[in-house]
């Protein structure tokens, strides 16, 4: 009985390791940027429409946002303003 328990445990460990290892080599993940989640953009990051501060993950995202219709982009750091750049013009969505 002890031998079969060890064999079963070993089998589950091998199956878990194989499934974990193969999932990490799955198809490439594509991360897209949605300018619609940006309430206000600044040179150092942006406020989301849910009032969360985020930095730009990619310099290309800045250009995508600046070219989006109705973009509110300001070419300075958000901490220049006393309200940290949150202007209150955007309705917060949940």
PDB file of N, CA and C in Angstrom:
ATOM      1  N   UNK A   1       0.824  -1.191   0.000  1.00  0.00           N
ATOM      2  CA  UNK A   1       0.000   0.000   0.000  1.00  0.00           C
ATOM      3  C   UNK A   1       0.868   1.256   0.000  1.00  0.00           C
ATOM      4  N   UNK A   2       1.916   1.248   0.800  1.00  0.00           N
ATOM      5  CA  UNK A   2       2.813   2.390   0.879  1.00  0.00           C
ATOM      6  C   UNK A   2       3.464   2.663  -0.474  1.00  0.00           C
ATOM      7  N   UNK A   3       3.806   1.601  -1.193  1.00  0.00           N
ATOM      8  CA  UNK A   3       4.440   1.736  -2.499  1.00  0.00           C
ATOM      9  C   UNK A   3       3.470   2.357  -3.516  1.00  0.00           C
ATOM     10  N   UNK A   4       2.202   1.961  -3.506  1.00  0.00           N
ATOM     11  CA  UNK A   4       1.227   2.508  -4.456  1.00  0.00           C
ATOM     12  C   UNK A   4       0.921   3.976  -4.140  1.00  0.00           C
ATOM     13  N   UNK A   5       0.928   4.336  -2.865  1.00  0.00           N
ATOM     14  CA  UNK A   5       0.724   5.730  -2.488  1.00  0.00           C
ATOM     15  C   UNK A   5       1.868   6.595  -3.003  1.00  0.00           C
ATOM     16  N   UNK A   6       3.098   6.125  -2.870  1.00  0.00           N
ATOM     17  CA  UNK A   6       4.251   6.859  -3.382  1.00  0.00           C
ATOM     18  C   UNK A   6       4.183   6.992  -4.897  1.00  0.00           C
ATOM     19  N   UNK A   7       3.778   5.905  -5.570  1.00  0.00           N
ATOM     20  CA  UNK A   7       3.673   5.935  -7.027  1.00  0.00           C
ATOM     21  C   UNK A   7       2.601   6.917  -7.476  1.00  0.00           C
ATOM     22  N   UNK A   8       1.472   6.939  -6.791  1.00  0.00           N
ATOM     23  CA  UNK A   8       0.394   7.867  -7.127  1.00  0.00           C
ATOM     24  C   UNK A   8       0.833   9.310  -6.900  1.00  0.00           C
ATOM     25  N   UNK A   9       1.487   9.574  -5.788  1.00  0.00           N
ATOM     26  CA  UNK A   9       1.980  10.911  -5.490  1.00  0.00           C
ATOM     27  C   UNK A   9       2.990  11.368  -6.535  1.00  0.00           C
ATOM     28  N   UNK A  10       3.887  10.481  -6.906  1.00  0.00           N
ATOM     29  CA  UNK A  10       4.868  10.797  -7.932  1.00  0.00           C
ATOM     30  C   UNK A  10       4.185  11.076  -9.269  1.00  0.00           C
ATOM     31  N   UNK A  11       3.180  10.298  -9.606  1.00  0.00           N
ATOM     32  CA  UNK A  11       2.462  10.502 -10.872  1.00  0.00           C
ATOM     33  C   UNK A  11       1.792  11.871 -10.906  1.00  0.00           C
ATOM     34  N   UNK A  12       1.137  12.254  -9.796  1.00  0.00           N
ATOM     35  CA  UNK A  12       0.503  13.573  -9.750  1.00  0.00           C
ATOM     36  C   UNK A  12       1.534  14.696  -9.819  1.00  0.00           C
ATOM     37  N   UNK A  13       2.665  14.505  -9.204  1.00  0.00           N
ATOM     38  CA  UNK A  13       3.719  15.516  -9.252  1.00  0.00           C
ATOM     39  C   UNK A  13       4.241  15.696 -10.667  1.00  0.00           C
ATOM     40  N   UNK A  14       4.440  14.590 -11.376  1.00  0.00           N
ATOM     41  CA  UNK A  14       4.932  14.659 -12.758  1.00  0.00           C
ATOM     42  C   UNK A  14       3.895  15.301 -13.664  1.00  0.00           C
ATOM     43  N   UNK A  15       2.634  14.898 -13.507  1.00  0.00           N
ATOM     44  CA  UNK A  15       1.563  15.478 -14.334  1.00  0.00           C
ATOM     45  C   UNK A  15       1.447  16.972 -14.078  1.00  0.00           C
ATOM     46  N   UNK A  16       1.514  17.381 -12.823  1.00  0.00           N
ATOM     47  CA  UNK A  16       1.439  18.800 -12.489  1.00  0.00           C
ATOM     48  C   UNK A  16       2.595  19.585 -13.069  1.00  0.00           C
ATOM     49  N   UNK A  17       3.791  19.025 -12.987  1.00  0.00           N
ATOM     50  CA  UNK A  17       4.970  19.712 -13.521  1.00  0.00           C
ATOM     51  C   UNK A  17       4.892  19.835 -15.034  1.00  0.00           C
ATOM     52  N   UNK A  18       4.430  18.782 -15.695  1.00  0.00           N
ATOM     53  CA  UNK A  18       4.328  18.810 -17.153  1.00  0.00           C
ATOM     54  C   UNK A  18       3.269  19.805 -17.594  1.00  0.00           C
ATOM     55  N   UNK A  19       2.109  19.804 -16.931  1.00  0.00           N
ATOM     56  CA  UNK A  19       1.050  20.725 -17.339  1.00  0.00           C
ATOM     57  C   UNK A  19       1.434  22.167 -17.036  1.00  0.00           C
ATOM     58  N   UNK A  20       2.119  22.397 -15.932  1.00  0.00           N
ATOM     59  CA  UNK A  20       2.559  23.749 -15.607  1.00  0.00           C
ATOM     60  C   UNK A  20       3.620  24.210 -16.601  1.00  0.00           C
ATOM     61  N   UNK A  21       4.558  23.353 -16.918  1.00  0.00           N
ATOM     62  CA  UNK A  21       5.627  23.714 -17.845  1.00  0.00           C
ATOM     63  C   UNK A  21       5.118  23.978 -19.243  1.00  0.00           C
ATOM     64  N   UNK A  22       4.155  23.203 -19.700  1.00  0.00           N
ATOM     65  CA  UNK A  22       3.659  23.392 -21.056  1.00  0.00           C
ATOM     66  C   UNK A  22       2.802  24.641 -21.181  1.00  0.00           C
ATOM     67  N   UNK A  23       2.106  25.018 -20.107  1.00  0.00           N
ATOM     68  CA  UNK A  23       1.265  26.211 -20.194  1.00  0.00           C
ATOM     69  C   UNK A  23       2.111  27.477 -20.243  1.00  0.00           C
ATOM     70  N   UNK A  24       3.312  27.431 -19.676  1.00  0.00           N
ATOM     71  CA  UNK A  24       4.143  28.615 -19.711  1.00  0.00           C
ATOM     72  C   UNK A  24       4.737  28.848 -21.103  1.00  0.00           C
ATOM     73  N   UNK A  25       4.684  27.850 -21.959  1.00  0.00           N
ATOM     74  CA  UNK A  25       5.166  28.012 -23.321  1.00  0.00           C
ATOM     75  C   UNK A  25       4.016  28.074 -24.313  1.00  0.00           C
ATOM     76  N   UNK A  26       2.853  28.486 -23.842  1.00  0.00           N
ATOM     77  CA  UNK A  26       1.681  28.589 -24.706  1.00  0.00           C
ATOM     78  C   UNK A  26       1.899  29.708 -25.723  1.00  0.00           C
ATOM     79  N   UNK A  27       0.920  29.909 -26.564  1.00  0.00           N
ATOM     80  CA  UNK A  27       1.017  30.931 -27.614  1.00  0.00           C
ATOM     81  C   UNK A  27       1.357  32.290 -27.012  1.00  0.00           C
ATOM     82  N   UNK A  28       2.012  33.120 -27.788  1.00  0.00           N
ATOM     83  CA  UNK A  28       2.391  34.448 -27.323  1.00  0.00           C
ATOM     84  C   UNK A  28       1.165  35.228 -26.871  1.00  0.00           C
ATOM     85  N   UNK A  29       1.327  35.954 -25.796  1.00  0.00           N
ATOM     86  CA  UNK A  29       0.259  36.783 -25.281  1.00  0.00           C
ATOM     87  C   UNK A  29       0.349  38.152 -25.932  1.00  0.00           C
ATOM     88  N   UNK A  30      -0.776  38.651 -26.394  1.00  0.00           N
ATOM     89  CA  UNK A  30      -0.823  39.965 -27.016  1.00  0.00           C
ATOM     90  C   UNK A  30      -1.518  40.918 -26.058  1.00  0.00           C
ATOM     91  N   UNK A  31      -0.825  41.979 -25.687  1.00  0.00           N
ATOM     92  CA  UNK A  31      -1.390  42.984 -24.809  1.00  0.00           C
ATOM     93  C   UNK A  31      -1.719  44.199 -25.666  1.00  0.00           C
ATOM     94  N   UNK A  32      -2.959  44.609 -25.606  1.00  0.00           N
ATOM     95  CA  UNK A  32      -3.364  45.779 -26.380  1.00  0.00           C
ATOM     96  C   UNK A  32      -3.642  46.934 -25.444  1.00  0.00           C
ATOM     97  N   UNK A  33      -3.600  48.119 -25.973  1.00  0.00           N
ATOM     98  CA  UNK A  33      -3.860  49.322 -25.204  1.00  0.00           C
ATOM     99  C   UNK A  33      -5.178  49.907 -25.680  1.00  0.00           C
ATOM    100  N   UNK A  34      -6.092  50.165 -24.764  1.00  0.00           N
ATOM    101  CA  UNK A  34      -7.389  50.744 -25.090  1.00  0.00           C
ATOM    102  C   UNK A  34      -7.402  52.199 -24.641  1.00  0.00           C
ATOM    103  N   UNK A  35      -7.330  53.152 -25.580  1.00  0.00           N
ATOM    104  CA  UNK A  35      -7.328  54.560 -25.178  1.00  0.00           C
ATOM    105  C   UNK A  35      -8.635  54.994 -24.529  1.00  0.00           C
ATOM    106  N   UNK A  36      -9.685  54.184 -24.658  1.00  0.00           N
ATOM    107  CA  UNK A  36     -10.970  54.520 -24.065  1.00  0.00           C
ATOM    108  C   UNK A  36     -10.983  54.460 -22.544  1.00  0.00           C
ATOM    109  N   UNK A  37      -9.985  53.821 -21.942  1.00  0.00           N
ATOM    110  CA  UNK A  37      -9.928  53.749 -20.473  1.00  0.00           C
ATOM    111  C   UNK A  37      -9.191  54.943 -19.868  1.00  0.00           C
ATOM    112  N   UNK A  38      -8.622  55.795 -20.704  1.00  0.00           N
ATOM    113  CA  UNK A  38      -7.848  56.943 -20.225  1.00  0.00           C
ATOM    114  C   UNK A  38      -8.762  58.152 -20.054  1.00  0.00           C
ATOM    115  N   UNK A  39      -8.783  58.714 -18.853  1.00  0.00           N
ATOM    116  CA  UNK A  39      -9.538  59.942 -18.616  1.00  0.00           C
ATOM    117  C   UNK A  39      -8.681  61.162 -18.955  1.00  0.00           C
ATOM    118  N   UNK A  40      -7.455  61.183 -18.426  1.00  0.00           N
ATOM    119  CA  UNK A  40      -6.522  62.286 -18.658  1.00  0.00           C
ATOM    120  C   UNK A  40      -5.129  61.706 -18.832  1.00  0.00           C
ATOM    121  N   UNK A  41      -4.436  62.134 -19.856  1.00  0.00           N
ATOM    122  CA  UNK A  41      -3.083  61.658 -20.100  1.00  0.00           C
ATOM    123  C   UNK A  41      -2.066  62.743 -19.817  1.00  0.00           C
ATOM    124  N   UNK A  42      -0.940  62.335 -19.278  1.00  0.00           N
ATOM    125  CA  UNK A  42       0.166  63.241 -18.976  1.00  0.00           C
ATOM    126  C   UNK A  42       1.459  62.611 -19.465  1.00  0.00           C
ATOM    127  N   UNK A  43       2.518  63.366 -19.453  1.00  0.00           N
ATOM    128  CA  UNK A  43       3.789  62.837 -19.945  1.00  0.00           C
ATOM    129  C   UNK A  43       4.294  61.670 -19.100  1.00  0.00           C
ATOM    130  N   UNK A  44       3.915  61.609 -17.829  1.00  0.00           N
ATOM    131  CA  UNK A  44       4.404  60.555 -16.942  1.00  0.00           C
ATOM    132  C   UNK A  44       3.396  59.433 -16.689  1.00  0.00           C
ATOM    133  N   UNK A  45       2.214  59.500 -17.276  1.00  0.00           N
ATOM    134  CA  UNK A  45       1.220  58.451 -17.086  1.00  0.00           C
ATOM    135  C   UNK A  45      -0.180  58.960 -17.362  1.00  0.00           C
ATOM    136  N   UNK A  46      -1.172  58.264 -16.813  1.00  0.00           N
ATOM    137  CA  UNK A  46      -2.557  58.653 -17.076  1.00  0.00           C
ATOM    138  C   UNK A  46      -3.486  58.230 -15.945  1.00  0.00           C
ATOM    139  N   UNK A  47      -4.600  58.960 -15.840  1.00  0.00           N
ATOM    140  CA  UNK A  47      -5.690  58.588 -14.952  1.00  0.00           C
ATOM    141  C   UNK A  47      -6.680  57.786 -15.762  1.00  0.00           C
ATOM    142  N   UNK A  48      -7.144  56.663 -15.211  1.00  0.00           N
ATOM    143  CA  UNK A  48      -8.162  55.881 -15.905  1.00  0.00           C
ATOM    144  C   UNK A  48      -9.535  56.473 -15.595  1.00  0.00           C
ATOM    145  N   UNK A  49     -10.538  56.006 -16.318  1.00  0.00           N
ATOM    146  CA  UNK A  49     -11.897  56.470 -16.080  1.00  0.00           C
ATOM    147  C   UNK A  49     -12.444  55.949 -14.756  1.00  0.00           C
ATOM    148  N   UNK A  50     -11.729  55.023 -14.112  1.00  0.00           N
ATOM    149  CA  UNK A  50     -12.112  54.546 -12.782  1.00  0.00           C
ATOM    150  C   UNK A  50     -11.253  55.196 -11.694  1.00  0.00           C
ATOM    151  N   UNK A  51     -10.583  56.291 -12.036  1.00  0.00           N
ATOM    152  CA  UNK A  51      -9.768  57.107 -11.132  1.00  0.00           C
ATOM    153  C   UNK A  51      -8.598  56.325 -10.540  1.00  0.00           C
ATOM    154  N   UNK A  52      -7.891  55.603 -11.388  1.00  0.00           N
ATOM    155  CA  UNK A  52      -6.670  54.894 -11.001  1.00  0.00           C
ATOM    156  C   UNK A  52      -5.505  55.504 -11.765  1.00  0.00           C
ATOM    157  N   UNK A  53      -4.399  55.759 -11.081  1.00  0.00           N
ATOM    158  CA  UNK A  53      -3.217  56.297 -11.737  1.00  0.00           C
ATOM    159  C   UNK A  53      -2.376  55.153 -12.297  1.00  0.00           C
ATOM    160  N   UNK A  54      -1.942  55.280 -13.536  1.00  0.00           N
ATOM    161  CA  UNK A  54      -1.061  54.282 -14.162  1.00  0.00           C
ATOM    162  C   UNK A  54       0.015  54.999 -14.960  1.00  0.00           C
ATOM    163  N   UNK A  55       1.185  54.394 -15.002  1.00  0.00           N
ATOM    164  CA  UNK A  55       2.244  54.927 -15.860  1.00  0.00           C
ATOM    165  C   UNK A  55       2.096  54.298 -17.241  1.00  0.00           C
ATOM    166  N   UNK A  56       2.626  54.972 -18.245  1.00  0.00           N
ATOM    167  CA  UNK A  56       2.572  54.430 -19.605  1.00  0.00           C
ATOM    168  C   UNK A  56       3.454  53.198 -19.669  1.00  0.00           C
ATOM    169  N   UNK A  57       2.911  52.067 -20.065  1.00  0.00           N
ATOM    170  CA  UNK A  57       3.686  50.834 -20.154  1.00  0.00           C
ATOM    171  C   UNK A  57       4.597  50.823 -21.366  1.00  0.00           C
ATOM    172  N   UNK A  58       4.233  51.576 -22.367  1.00  0.00           N
ATOM    173  CA  UNK A  58       4.960  51.565 -23.626  1.00  0.00           C
ATOM    174  C   UNK A  58       4.889  52.977 -24.200  1.00  0.00           C
ATOM    175  N   UNK A  59       5.993  53.546 -24.670  1.00  0.00           N
ATOM    176  CA  UNK A  59       5.947  54.895 -25.249  1.00  0.00           C
ATOM    177  C   UNK A  59       4.968  55.004 -26.424  1.00  0.00           C
ATOM    178  N   UNK A  60       4.741  53.907 -27.118  1.00  0.00           N
ATOM    179  CA  UNK A  60       3.790  53.930 -28.231  1.00  0.00           C
ATOM    180  C   UNK A  60       2.363  54.169 -27.781  1.00  0.00           C
ATOM    181  N   UNK A  61       2.052  53.802 -26.532  1.00  0.00           N
ATOM    182  CA  UNK A  61       0.699  54.009 -26.025  1.00  0.00           C
ATOM    183  C   UNK A  61       0.370  55.496 -25.897  1.00  0.00           C
ATOM    184  N   UNK A  62       1.393  56.301 -25.614  1.00  0.00           N
ATOM    185  CA  UNK A  62       1.188  57.749 -25.522  1.00  0.00           C
ATOM    186  C   UNK A  62       0.700  58.273 -26.861  1.00  0.00           C
ATOM    187  N   UNK A  63       1.353  57.865 -27.922  1.00  0.00           N
ATOM    188  CA  UNK A  63       0.976  58.339 -29.258  1.00  0.00           C
ATOM    189  C   UNK A  63      -0.393  57.827 -29.673  1.00  0.00           C
ATOM    190  N   UNK A  64      -0.702  56.586 -29.316  1.00  0.00           N
ATOM    191  CA  UNK A  64      -2.032  56.043 -29.627  1.00  0.00           C
ATOM    192  C   UNK A  64      -3.096  56.888 -28.939  1.00  0.00           C
ATOM    193  N   UNK A  65      -2.872  57.199 -27.673  1.00  0.00           N
ATOM    194  CA  UNK A  65      -3.852  57.998 -26.944  1.00  0.00           C
ATOM    195  C   UNK A  65      -3.950  59.414 -27.501  1.00  0.00           C
ATOM    196  N   UNK A  66      -2.833  60.038 -27.788  1.00  0.00           N
ATOM    197  CA  UNK A  66      -2.862  61.420 -28.290  1.00  0.00           C
ATOM    198  C   UNK A  66      -3.621  61.538 -29.599  1.00  0.00           C
ATOM    199  N   UNK A  67      -3.601  60.481 -30.413  1.00  0.00           N
ATOM    200  CA  UNK A  67      -4.302  60.499 -31.702  1.00  0.00           C
ATOM    201  C   UNK A  67      -5.769  60.078 -31.591  1.00  0.00           C
ATOM    202  N   UNK A  68      -6.177  59.613 -30.412  1.00  0.00           N
ATOM    203  CA  UNK A  68      -7.558  59.162 -30.221  1.00  0.00           C
ATOM    204  C   UNK A  68      -8.503  60.372 -30.181  1.00  0.00           C
ATOM    205  N   UNK A  69      -9.724  60.195 -30.674  1.00  0.00           N
ATOM    206  CA  UNK A  69     -10.692  61.302 -30.615  1.00  0.00           C
ATOM    207  C   UNK A  69     -10.988  61.697 -29.165  1.00  0.00           C
ATOM    208  N   UNK A  70     -11.137  62.978 -28.929  1.00  0.00           N
ATOM    209  CA  UNK A  70     -11.460  63.532 -27.603  1.00  0.00           C
ATOM    210  C   UNK A  70     -10.401  63.235 -26.543  1.00  0.00           C
ATOM    211  N   UNK A  71      -9.171  63.057 -26.950  1.00  0.00           N
ATOM    212  CA  UNK A  71      -8.089  62.799 -25.984  1.00  0.00           C
ATOM    213  C   UNK A  71      -7.814  64.061 -25.173  1.00  0.00           C
ATOM    214  N   UNK A  72      -7.607  63.871 -23.884  1.00  0.00           N
ATOM    215  CA  UNK A  72      -7.234  64.972 -22.994  1.00  0.00           C
ATOM    216  C   UNK A  72      -5.798  64.714 -22.552  1.00  0.00           C
ATOM    217  N   UNK A  73      -4.854  65.139 -23.379  1.00  0.00           N
ATOM    218  CA  UNK A  73      -3.435  64.899 -23.091  1.00  0.00           C
ATOM    219  C   UNK A  73      -2.767  66.220 -22.750  1.00  0.00           C
ATOM    220  N   UNK A  74      -1.949  66.196 -21.703  1.00  0.00           N
ATOM    221  CA  UNK A  74      -1.242  67.389 -21.255  1.00  0.00           C
ATOM    222  C   UNK A  74       0.246  67.072 -21.225  1.00  0.00           C
ATOM    223  N   UNK A  75       1.022  67.884 -21.883  1.00  0.00           N
ATOM    224  CA  UNK A  75       2.455  67.637 -22.049  1.00  0.00           C
ATOM    225  C   UNK A  75       3.238  68.129 -20.835  1.00  0.00           C
ATOM    226  N   UNK A  76       2.890  67.626 -19.680  1.00  0.00           N
ATOM    227  CA  UNK A  76       3.645  67.869 -18.455  1.00  0.00           C
ATOM    228  C   UNK A  76       3.287  66.774 -17.454  1.00  0.00           C
ATOM    229  N   UNK A  77       4.045  66.707 -16.358  1.00  0.00           N
ATOM    230  CA  UNK A  77       3.821  65.671 -15.348  1.00  0.00           C
ATOM    231  C   UNK A  77       2.529  65.960 -14.571  1.00  0.00           C
ATOM    232  N   UNK A  78       1.852  64.907 -14.158  1.00  0.00           N
ATOM    233  CA  UNK A  78       0.573  65.068 -13.476  1.00  0.00           C
ATOM    234  C   UNK A  78       0.712  65.704 -12.098  1.00  0.00           C
ATOM    235  N   UNK A  79       1.869  65.563 -11.470  1.00  0.00           N
ATOM    236  CA  UNK A  79       2.033  66.087 -10.114  1.00  0.00           C
ATOM    237  C   UNK A  79       2.312  67.591 -10.083  1.00  0.00           C
ATOM    238  N   UNK A  80       2.280  68.217 -11.237  1.00  0.00           N
ATOM    239  CA  UNK A  80       2.426  69.672 -11.292  1.00  0.00           C
ATOM    240  C   UNK A  80       1.192  70.371 -10.723  1.00  0.00           C
ATOM    241  N   UNK A  81       0.039  69.756 -10.906  1.00  0.00           N
ATOM    242  CA  UNK A  81      -1.229  70.332 -10.460  1.00  0.00           C
ATOM    243  C   UNK A  81      -1.521  69.972  -9.007  1.00  0.00           C
ATOM    244  N   UNK A  82      -2.210  70.852  -8.281  1.00  0.00           N
ATOM    245  CA  UNK A  82      -2.524  70.541  -6.875  1.00  0.00           C
ATOM    246  C   UNK A  82      -3.445  69.333  -6.724  1.00  0.00           C
ATOM    247  N   UNK A  83      -4.248  69.037  -7.731  1.00  0.00           N
ATOM    248  CA  UNK A  83      -5.152  67.886  -7.657  1.00  0.00           C
ATOM    249  C   UNK A  83      -4.534  66.640  -8.288  1.00  0.00           C
ATOM    250  N   UNK A  84      -3.223  66.661  -8.471  1.00  0.00           N
ATOM    251  CA  UNK A  84      -2.469  65.543  -9.076  1.00  0.00           C
ATOM    252  C   UNK A  84      -2.961  65.208 -10.483  1.00  0.00           C
ATOM    253  N   UNK A  85      -3.550  66.174 -11.164  1.00  0.00           N
ATOM    254  CA  UNK A  85      -3.957  65.987 -12.550  1.00  0.00           C
ATOM    255  C   UNK A  85      -5.360  65.460 -12.750  1.00  0.00           C
ATOM    256  N   UNK A  86      -6.063  65.121 -11.665  1.00  0.00           N
ATOM    257  CA  UNK A  86      -7.453  64.672 -11.826  1.00  0.00           C
ATOM    258  C   UNK A  86      -8.316  65.919 -11.923  1.00  0.00           C
ATOM    259  N   UNK A  87      -8.944  66.125 -13.069  1.00  0.00           N
ATOM    260  CA  UNK A  87      -9.656  67.360 -13.340  1.00  0.00           C
ATOM    261  C   UNK A  87     -11.146  67.292 -13.027  1.00  0.00           C
ATOM    262  N   UNK A  88     -11.677  66.113 -12.802  1.00  0.00           N
ATOM    263  CA  UNK A  88     -13.075  65.987 -12.432  1.00  0.00           C
ATOM    264  C   UNK A  88     -14.068  66.145 -13.562  1.00  0.00           C
ATOM    265  N   UNK A  89     -13.597  66.233 -14.791  1.00  0.00           N
ATOM    266  CA  UNK A  89     -14.488  66.402 -15.944  1.00  0.00           C
ATOM    267  C   UNK A  89     -15.063  65.096 -16.440  1.00  0.00           C
ATOM    268  N   UNK A  90     -14.461  63.978 -16.049  1.00  0.00           N
ATOM    269  CA  UNK A  90     -14.853  62.666 -16.542  1.00  0.00           C
ATOM    270  C   UNK A  90     -15.720  61.989 -15.485  1.00  0.00           C
ATOM    271  N   UNK A  91     -16.821  61.404 -15.930  1.00  0.00           N
ATOM    272  CA  UNK A  91     -17.686  60.656 -15.027  1.00  0.00           C
ATOM    273  C   UNK A  91     -17.043  59.304 -14.758  1.00  0.00           C
ATOM    274  N   UNK A  92     -16.890  58.958 -13.492  1.00  0.00           N
ATOM    275  CA  UNK A  92     -16.254  57.689 -13.127  1.00  0.00           C
ATOM    276  C   UNK A  92     -17.218  56.537 -13.368  1.00  0.00           C
ATOM    277  N   UNK A  93     -16.716  55.516 -14.059  1.00  0.00           N
ATOM    278  CA  UNK A  93     -17.515  54.318 -14.336  1.00  0.00           C
ATOM    279  C   UNK A  93     -16.995  53.184 -13.484  1.00  0.00           C
ATOM    280  N   UNK A  94     -17.840  52.253 -13.193  1.00  0.00           N
ATOM    281  CA  UNK A  94     -17.428  51.096 -12.387  1.00  0.00           C
ATOM    282  C   UNK A  94     -17.413  49.846 -13.233  1.00  0.00           C
TER     283      UNK A  94
END
